[in-house]
Structures are given as C-alpha cells and as structure tokens.
Amino acid sequence: MRRKFSIKKITFLLFLVSFVSVAQHNEKTDAANAPKEEKDLKVTIKEYINHHLLDSYDFGLFSYTNDHNEKVHIGSPLPVILWDNGLKVFSSSKFHYGETVAEVDGNHYKVYHNKIYKTDAAGTITYAGDDHSHPSNVKPLDFSITKNVVMIFVVFLIMFFMFKRMAKNYKKNPLPTGIGRLLEPIILYIRDDIAIPNIGAKHYKKYMSYLLTVFFFVWIVNLLGLTPLGVNVTNNVAVTLVLALITFILTTVTANKNYWAHIFWMPGVPKLMRIVLAPIEVLGMIIKPFSLMIRLYANITAGHIVLMSIIGLMFIFKSWIGSPLSFGLAIALSLLELLVAALQAYIFTMLSALYFGSAVEEHDDH
C-alpha cells in the first residue's frame, strides 16, 4: 500500500510538472513573438518594487493608464520644505509624482533618484563623472514631510492615545479593560522576560519607557508596512540608524565605571593584553549599534522584496497554474511577514536590553 501510494504521488507530481512545462513552453513561444513586451513587463515590475521600497514626497496609493494612454496617479501631495538661500515651502504636486520640474520663486527643482536637485527650466541633470552616478547639481537642504515622516507621526498618535487611554482606565479600575487587556500581557512580558533578566531588578525601571516605546514603534510600523498603503518606515536605513543611535547613546551615557573599566583596562588580564584588547572593545561598541541598524533594515527590506517579486511573477507567468501558485505563495509569505514584524521588534528590544544590562552591571574586583 505504501508503494502504491508513493507511485500515485509521483504520478501526480509528474502530471503537474508536465503542465508547468507546457505552460512555460507556451510562455517562451509568446516571448519569442513579443520579446520587447515581456522585457518591458519585467523592467516595469522591477521599477515598481524599487518605487515601493523608497520613500517619496507624495502619498501615492496606486496608478493606472486611462483610455488616452495617460498615466493617472491616485494619492495625496505632501509639503516640500527646502532651504536654498532662504526657506522654500511648496506642495509636492508641483513635481507631479516626479514627472515635472517645480518652479518656486524663480528657481527650478527636480526629483531625481528620490532626491531633490536644483536644475534649469528643462530639468537638466549634470554629472561629476562619466559613470552618471553622482549628479553635480546643487542639492538644497531638505526638511520635507515625506510619507515615512507622515507614518511616524501617525504611529506616534496611535501610541499616544493607546497608552493614554490605558492609563486612564487603570486610574478608574486596577483591572485591565478595553485595549488594556491586549497591551498588559505584552508590557508584562517585556518587563518580566526582557528587562529584568537582562538589566537586573535594580536598574531596569529607568529603561522600561524606552524599551516599551521602541518595541511598539517597530512592531506597529512593520505591521503598517504590510498594508496596501505600502509605507515601509523601517525599510529606511535613516530610521533604523536613529533607533540604533538612541540605544547607543543611552548605553554610553548611563554606563557605570565597571563598564568603562572592562573596555579600556580589563581586570584580571595581563597588562600587555589590556593594551591589545582595548581597541577591540572600542570597536565592539561601534559594531553593536551598527548590527542593530543593519539587522532591522535588512530583514524588513528582504521580506518586502521577496513578497513583491512573488506577486510580480503572477503577471509574468500568465498561466492558470503559475499565477495561482504565486498568489498562494504570496499569501503564505504575508502570514510569515506578520511573524517577522513582531520578531524584529522583539529582537531589537532584547538586544537593547542586553546592551543596557552590560552598561549597568556591577562586578566584583578580583
């Protein structure tokens, strides 16, 4: 019976493979007849993925091509704030989603590779070298409210009202009610299983506010990045850099003398080895926040690239078997991304607590 069952499974798999081969053969035949169209489709999907990952000066939801072969964008413009021999404030609608040159007070600006450059009326971009990778145009100081900045404010408001409401409920009733029933187990877990074991019962309280803030901030922005809004705040290396720098500054400022002694003059080690180990320990201080930054940024970015690539395969396969398989795999990966969203918040909070614990740990002199 086992052998018959195995033969049935193998036969079914061969049946599927044969259909996939036929579908691929038909697609290759179609591609041979229209190679330019297929190439343009792949380039379009790649550009869409890159656009999805980048920050932008407008809150674009989606776009489509109308009957007149014109590309129509659905979204909302955001304020552009530049300092170019004075303050320049205007709406990003002047860029028309990066397709036109904006004129402000006689100056012209253009969005190029997600950065604003000062140009002429034609929007000419000049380059410093032959590789066309470094524009030589003047780049004004940019303080614009981009879509990532908008979502950071949105998450701030969500967290503010969420915890304010929870605090009011606790003043009236010591038992959790409403949203407190969801938040209390998470807060207690961060306190009892992350903060106290890694920092210690004596010092953990002064770090709890930051640990709770960074956990819920990273978790919520990761979840919002999985929505159709397509805003990936932690996909921006500048955001993860700031979070890592805050952890580094708190660790450095609150560290006790034992922490610095184990870095510059490690006890219990021969004096010659102390001189050798000191630069290594200093380098380790820099690597720790760098690893925090890269880990969060790389994991979130990789997840979105893989998910968008699988969705793009549905438009490339154009077959009754390839597209449903890509769609099912995209759904499974989206569920996995829900886990990754919480896991990355947990890892960032856990490592921050570990660094705080090493900074305030008390050692006995040997």
Protein backbone atom coordinates (compact mmCIF):
# COMPACT_ATOMS: atom_id res chain seq x y z
CA MET A 1 0.00 0.00 0.00
CA ARG A 2 2.85 2.38 0.78
CA ARG A 3 4.44 1.63 -2.60
CA LYS A 4 1.14 2.24 -4.42
CA PHE A 5 0.64 5.46 -2.51
CA SER A 6 4.14 6.65 -3.40
CA ILE A 7 3.56 5.81 -7.06
CA LYS A 8 0.34 7.81 -7.01
CA LYS A 9 2.10 10.80 -5.52
CA ILE A 10 4.92 10.60 -8.03
CA THR A 11 2.45 10.29 -10.90
CA PHE A 12 0.54 13.33 -9.67
CA LEU A 13 3.73 15.36 -9.35
CA LEU A 14 4.80 14.38 -12.87
CA PHE A 15 1.35 15.42 -14.08
CA LEU A 16 1.81 18.85 -12.51
CA VAL A 17 5.35 19.18 -13.85
CA SER A 18 4.14 18.37 -17.35
CA PHE A 19 1.54 21.12 -17.19
CA VAL A 20 4.12 23.59 -15.87
CA SER A 21 6.45 22.63 -18.73
CA VAL A 22 3.69 23.13 -21.28
CA ALA A 23 2.81 26.49 -19.73
CA GLN A 24 6.46 27.56 -19.73
CA HIS A 25 6.84 26.40 -23.33
CA ASN A 26 3.81 28.46 -24.36
CA GLU A 27 5.18 31.46 -22.49
CA LYS A 28 8.56 31.11 -24.22
CA THR A 29 6.81 30.89 -27.58
CA ASP A 30 4.84 34.02 -26.80
CA ALA A 31 8.00 35.72 -25.59
CA ALA A 32 9.75 34.85 -28.84
CA ASN A 33 6.95 36.51 -30.75
CA ALA A 34 6.95 39.59 -28.48
CA PRO A 35 10.28 39.77 -26.61
CA LYS A 36 10.15 43.53 -26.15
CA GLU A 37 6.77 43.38 -24.36
CA GLU A 38 7.99 40.72 -21.92
CA LYS A 39 11.19 42.63 -21.27
CA ASP A 40 9.22 45.81 -20.65
CA LEU A 41 6.98 43.93 -18.20
CA LYS A 42 9.95 42.67 -16.19
CA VAL A 43 11.51 46.14 -16.15
CA THR A 44 8.18 47.62 -15.05
CA ILE A 45 7.87 45.11 -12.18
CA LYS A 46 11.44 45.82 -11.08
CA GLU A 47 10.84 49.58 -11.14
CA TYR A 48 7.59 49.14 -9.20
CA ILE A 49 9.40 47.13 -6.50
CA ASN A 50 12.12 49.78 -6.23
CA HIS A 51 9.48 52.51 -6.02
CA HIS A 52 7.61 50.55 -3.33
CA LEU A 53 10.75 50.34 -1.18
CA LEU A 54 11.74 54.00 -1.45
CA ASP A 55 10.43 56.96 0.47
CA SER A 56 8.64 59.61 -1.59
CA TYR A 57 7.43 63.21 -1.48
CA ASP A 58 3.81 62.21 -2.08
CA PHE A 59 1.42 59.70 -0.58
CA GLY A 60 0.72 57.65 -3.69
CA LEU A 61 -1.78 54.81 -3.40
CA PHE A 62 -1.82 53.43 -6.94
CA SER A 63 -1.68 54.46 -10.60
CA TYR A 64 -3.27 53.32 -13.83
CA THR A 65 -3.28 54.15 -17.54
CA ASN A 66 -6.53 55.62 -18.87
CA ASP A 67 -8.09 55.24 -22.30
CA HIS A 68 -5.97 58.10 -23.65
CA ASN A 69 -2.77 56.23 -22.70
CA GLU A 70 -2.11 58.71 -19.90
CA LYS A 71 -0.79 57.60 -16.54
CA VAL A 72 -3.13 58.66 -13.72
CA HIS A 73 -1.85 58.74 -10.12
CA ILE A 74 -4.17 58.36 -7.14
CA GLY A 75 -2.75 59.80 -3.94
CA SER A 76 -2.13 62.94 -1.93
CA PRO A 77 0.68 65.51 -2.18
CA LEU A 78 2.84 66.38 0.82
CA PRO A 79 4.64 69.62 1.82
CA VAL A 80 8.15 70.12 0.45
CA ILE A 81 10.41 72.19 2.72
CA LEU A 82 13.79 73.27 1.30
CA TRP A 83 16.50 75.68 2.39
CA ASP A 84 18.08 77.26 -0.69
CA ASN A 85 19.24 80.80 0.12
CA GLY A 86 16.08 81.04 2.15
CA LEU A 87 13.12 78.89 3.09
CA LYS A 88 11.18 77.36 0.19
CA VAL A 89 7.85 75.73 1.06
CA PHE A 90 5.57 74.32 -1.64
CA SER A 91 3.40 71.32 -2.42
CA SER A 92 4.88 68.18 -3.95
CA SER A 93 2.08 68.31 -6.53
CA LYS A 94 4.36 70.63 -8.49
CA PHE A 95 6.59 67.62 -9.17
CA HIS A 96 3.57 65.62 -10.42
CA TYR A 97 4.97 62.41 -8.91
CA GLY A 98 8.50 63.17 -10.16
CA GLU A 99 7.48 63.72 -13.77
CA THR A 100 7.79 67.52 -13.99
CA VAL A 101 10.09 70.32 -12.83
CA ALA A 102 8.86 72.54 -9.98
CA GLU A 103 9.34 76.32 -10.22
CA VAL A 104 9.49 78.21 -6.92
CA ASP A 105 10.48 81.91 -6.68
CA GLY A 106 12.34 81.72 -9.98
CA ASN A 107 14.25 78.56 -9.00
CA HIS A 108 13.69 75.14 -10.55
CA TYR A 109 13.83 71.82 -8.70
CA LYS A 110 13.59 68.25 -9.87
CA VAL A 111 13.21 64.90 -8.10
CA TYR A 112 15.93 62.57 -9.32
CA HIS A 113 16.53 59.15 -7.73
CA ASN A 114 14.33 60.17 -4.81
CA LYS A 115 16.37 63.32 -4.08
CA ILE A 116 15.66 66.96 -4.92
CA TYR A 117 18.21 68.82 -7.08
CA LYS A 118 18.34 72.39 -8.32
CA THR A 119 18.15 72.48 -12.13
CA ASP A 120 17.30 74.76 -15.02
CA ALA A 121 13.81 75.11 -16.51
CA ALA A 122 14.33 71.96 -18.58
CA GLY A 123 15.32 69.89 -15.55
CA THR A 124 18.85 69.14 -16.78
CA ILE A 125 20.91 66.87 -14.54
CA THR A 126 24.70 67.13 -14.91
CA TYR A 127 27.19 64.58 -13.61
CA ALA A 128 30.60 64.83 -11.98
CA GLY A 129 31.98 61.71 -13.70
CA ASP A 130 31.43 59.54 -16.72
CA ASP A 131 29.52 56.86 -14.78
CA HIS A 132 26.45 59.12 -14.36
CA SER A 133 26.10 58.05 -10.73
CA HIS A 134 26.88 61.33 -8.92
CA PRO A 135 24.91 64.41 -10.06
CA SER A 136 26.83 67.66 -9.73
CA ASN A 137 23.68 69.77 -9.39
CA VAL A 138 23.21 71.75 -6.21
CA LYS A 139 21.21 69.78 -3.65
CA PRO A 140 19.41 72.09 -1.20
CA LEU A 141 18.89 71.18 2.43
CA ASP A 142 15.78 69.03 2.55
CA PHE A 143 13.37 69.13 5.52
CA SER A 144 10.36 67.85 3.59
CA ILE A 145 7.49 65.90 5.12
CA THR A 146 7.76 62.62 3.24
CA LYS A 147 5.37 59.68 3.51
CA ASN A 148 7.68 57.96 6.03
CA VAL A 149 7.60 61.07 8.22
CA VAL A 150 3.79 61.10 7.98
CA MET A 151 3.61 57.48 9.11
CA ILE A 152 5.99 58.17 12.02
CA PHE A 153 3.59 60.89 13.20
CA VAL A 154 0.65 58.52 12.69
CA VAL A 155 2.34 55.82 14.79
CA PHE A 156 3.16 58.44 17.44
CA LEU A 157 -0.52 59.42 17.65
CA ILE A 158 -1.61 55.77 17.78
CA MET A 159 0.78 55.01 20.64
CA PHE A 160 -0.02 58.24 22.49
CA PHE A 161 -3.79 57.75 22.53
CA MET A 162 -3.45 54.00 23.07
CA PHE A 163 -1.35 54.32 26.23
CA LYS A 164 -3.17 57.44 27.43
CA ARG A 165 -6.46 55.59 27.30
CA MET A 166 -4.88 52.63 29.07
CA ALA A 167 -3.53 54.89 31.86
CA LYS A 168 -6.96 56.48 32.37
CA ASN A 169 -8.60 53.07 32.65
CA TYR A 170 -6.08 51.99 35.29
CA LYS A 171 -6.85 55.08 37.38
CA LYS A 172 -10.51 54.10 37.49
CA ASN A 173 -10.08 50.35 37.76
CA PRO A 174 -6.94 48.34 38.70
CA LEU A 175 -8.08 45.56 36.39
CA PRO A 176 -7.33 45.99 32.67
CA THR A 177 -10.26 46.93 30.47
CA GLY A 178 -10.63 47.60 26.78
CA ILE A 179 -7.33 47.81 24.95
CA GLY A 180 -5.50 47.24 28.25
CA ARG A 181 -6.44 43.56 28.04
CA LEU A 182 -4.33 43.29 24.90
CA LEU A 183 -1.46 45.54 25.98
CA GLU A 184 -0.97 44.39 29.58
CA PRO A 185 0.34 40.87 28.76
CA ILE A 186 2.80 42.35 26.23
CA ILE A 187 4.01 45.00 28.70
CA LEU A 188 4.41 42.44 31.47
CA TYR A 189 6.31 40.16 29.09
CA ILE A 190 8.74 42.95 28.17
CA ARG A 191 9.22 43.76 31.84
CA ASP A 192 9.48 40.22 33.28
CA ASP A 193 11.16 38.36 30.40
CA ILE A 194 13.27 41.03 28.69
CA ALA A 195 14.06 43.96 31.01
CA ILE A 196 14.53 42.32 34.43
CA PRO A 197 16.54 39.23 33.31
CA ASN A 198 18.91 41.27 31.11
CA ILE A 199 19.21 44.56 33.02
CA GLY A 200 18.53 43.49 36.57
CA ALA A 201 15.82 44.24 39.10
CA LYS A 202 17.83 47.18 40.47
CA HIS A 203 18.19 49.22 37.25
CA TYR A 204 15.50 48.06 34.82
CA LYS A 205 12.89 50.73 35.65
CA LYS A 206 14.80 53.65 34.13
CA TYR A 207 14.97 51.81 30.78
CA MET A 208 11.40 50.50 30.66
CA SER A 209 9.91 53.57 28.97
CA TYR A 210 12.39 53.33 26.09
CA LEU A 211 12.07 49.56 25.72
CA LEU A 212 8.27 49.77 25.56
CA THR A 213 8.43 52.67 23.10
CA VAL A 214 10.88 51.02 20.72
CA PHE A 215 9.06 47.68 20.82
CA PHE A 216 5.62 49.07 19.98
CA PHE A 217 7.02 51.57 17.47
CA VAL A 218 8.92 48.93 15.47
CA TRP A 219 6.03 46.47 15.70
CA ILE A 220 3.34 48.92 14.56
CA VAL A 221 5.36 50.39 11.67
CA ASN A 222 6.22 46.88 10.49
CA LEU A 223 2.54 45.94 10.50
CA LEU A 224 1.59 49.12 8.63
CA GLY A 225 4.24 48.25 6.04
CA LEU A 226 2.27 45.10 5.19
CA THR A 227 -0.91 47.04 4.43
CA PRO A 228 -1.83 48.26 0.92
CA LEU A 229 -0.54 51.71 1.94
CA GLY A 230 2.93 50.38 1.18
CA VAL A 231 4.78 52.58 3.70
CA ASN A 232 7.92 50.84 4.96
CA VAL A 233 9.38 53.05 7.69
CA THR A 234 11.94 50.53 8.96
CA ASN A 235 12.93 49.89 5.36
CA ASN A 236 14.58 53.34 5.55
CA VAL A 237 18.14 52.98 6.85
CA ALA A 238 17.97 56.50 8.33
CA VAL A 239 15.15 55.42 10.67
CA THR A 240 16.93 52.28 11.85
CA LEU A 241 20.13 54.32 12.25
CA VAL A 242 18.39 56.79 14.59
CA LEU A 243 16.89 53.96 16.66
CA ALA A 244 20.30 52.30 16.95
CA LEU A 245 21.95 55.62 17.87
CA ILE A 246 19.43 56.18 20.68
CA THR A 247 20.27 52.76 22.10
CA PHE A 248 23.99 53.54 21.78
CA ILE A 249 23.67 56.95 23.46
CA LEU A 250 21.60 55.58 26.35
CA THR A 251 24.12 52.77 26.85
CA THR A 252 27.07 55.18 26.79
CA VAL A 253 25.54 57.88 29.00
CA THR A 254 24.19 55.56 31.70
CA ALA A 255 27.19 53.21 31.84
CA ASN A 256 28.97 52.84 35.18
CA LYS A 257 32.70 52.76 35.89
CA ASN A 258 32.82 48.95 35.70
CA TYR A 259 31.60 49.11 32.10
CA TRP A 260 34.38 51.51 31.07
CA ALA A 261 36.96 49.58 33.09
CA HIS A 262 36.15 46.39 31.16
CA ILE A 263 36.59 48.27 27.89
CA PHE A 264 39.79 50.28 28.43
CA TRP A 265 41.55 48.40 31.25
CA MET A 266 40.05 44.93 31.56
CA PRO A 267 40.58 43.49 35.08
CA GLY A 268 42.13 40.06 35.52
CA VAL A 269 44.06 40.28 32.23
CA PRO A 270 47.85 40.84 31.80
CA LYS A 271 48.71 44.48 31.18
CA LEU A 272 50.09 43.85 27.70
CA MET A 273 46.87 42.11 26.68
CA ARG A 274 44.83 45.01 28.07
CA ILE A 275 46.51 47.33 25.57
CA VAL A 276 45.68 44.92 22.75
CA LEU A 277 42.08 44.29 23.85
CA ALA A 278 41.14 47.96 24.42
CA PRO A 279 40.86 48.89 20.68
CA ILE A 280 38.89 45.70 20.05
CA GLU A 281 36.43 46.55 22.81
CA VAL A 282 36.05 50.11 21.48
CA LEU A 283 35.37 48.68 18.03
CA GLY A 284 32.76 46.41 19.61
CA MET A 285 30.97 49.48 20.99
CA ILE A 286 30.54 50.75 17.42
CA ILE A 287 29.62 47.36 15.94
CA LYS A 288 26.76 46.81 18.39
CA PRO A 289 24.53 49.71 17.22
CA PHE A 290 25.61 49.04 13.62
CA SER A 291 24.36 45.46 13.89
CA LEU A 292 21.08 46.71 15.36
CA MET A 293 20.63 49.06 12.40
CA ILE A 294 21.53 46.54 9.68
CA ARG A 295 19.55 43.63 11.16
CA LEU A 296 16.25 45.52 11.29
CA TYR A 297 16.75 47.22 7.93
CA ALA A 298 17.92 44.12 6.04
CA ASN A 299 15.23 41.75 7.33
CA ILE A 300 12.35 44.11 6.57
CA THR A 301 13.75 45.07 3.16
CA ALA A 302 14.40 41.46 2.14
CA GLY A 303 10.89 40.41 3.14
CA HIS A 304 9.26 43.13 1.03
CA ILE A 305 11.48 42.43 -1.98
CA VAL A 306 10.66 38.71 -1.93
CA LEU A 307 6.94 39.33 -1.42
CA MET A 308 6.70 41.89 -4.23
CA SER A 309 8.76 39.66 -6.55
CA ILE A 310 6.42 36.72 -5.99
CA ILE A 311 3.40 38.93 -6.69
CA GLY A 312 5.14 40.11 -9.88
CA LEU A 313 5.51 36.50 -11.03
CA MET A 314 1.74 36.29 -11.45
CA PHE A 315 1.94 38.86 -14.27
CA ILE A 316 4.93 37.10 -15.85
CA PHE A 317 3.56 33.53 -15.80
CA LYS A 318 0.15 34.41 -17.26
CA SER A 319 -0.88 30.75 -16.90
CA TRP A 320 -3.67 29.02 -14.99
CA ILE A 321 -1.19 27.12 -12.83
CA GLY A 322 1.70 29.55 -12.37
CA SER A 323 -0.34 32.55 -11.27
CA PRO A 324 -2.40 30.72 -8.59
CA LEU A 325 0.79 29.15 -7.21
CA SER A 326 2.42 32.59 -6.98
CA PHE A 327 -0.70 34.01 -5.35
CA GLY A 328 -0.82 31.20 -2.76
CA LEU A 329 2.88 31.60 -2.02
CA ALA A 330 2.42 35.36 -1.61
CA ILE A 331 -0.36 34.78 0.94
CA ALA A 332 1.81 32.30 2.89
CA LEU A 333 4.73 34.73 2.85
CA SER A 334 2.46 37.57 4.02
CA LEU A 335 1.46 35.47 7.04
CA LEU A 336 5.14 34.82 7.71
CA GLU A 337 5.81 38.57 7.48
CA LEU A 338 3.29 39.11 10.29
CA LEU A 339 5.53 36.95 12.47
CA VAL A 340 8.66 38.74 11.26
CA ALA A 341 7.11 42.11 12.14
CA ALA A 342 6.77 41.10 15.79
CA LEU A 343 10.02 39.12 15.82
CA GLN A 344 12.12 42.09 14.66
CA ALA A 345 10.55 44.30 17.35
CA TYR A 346 11.34 41.63 19.94
CA ILE A 347 14.95 41.21 18.76
CA PHE A 348 15.63 44.96 18.73
CA THR A 349 14.17 45.32 22.24
CA MET A 350 16.01 42.27 23.56
CA LEU A 351 19.41 43.37 22.23
CA SER A 352 18.88 46.91 23.55
CA ALA A 353 18.15 45.44 26.99
CA LEU A 354 21.31 43.32 26.76
CA TYR A 355 23.41 46.40 26.00
CA PHE A 356 21.81 48.32 28.86
CA GLY A 357 22.44 45.40 31.18
CA SER A 358 26.14 45.28 30.29
CA ALA A 359 26.39 49.03 30.92
CA VAL A 360 25.00 48.93 34.47
CA GLU A 361 26.22 45.51 35.56
CA GLU A 362 28.12 45.57 38.83
CA HIS A 363 31.31 43.49 39.01
CA ASP A 364 33.35 42.39 41.98
CA ASP A 365 37.01 43.39 41.93
CA HIS A 366 39.32 40.38 41.59
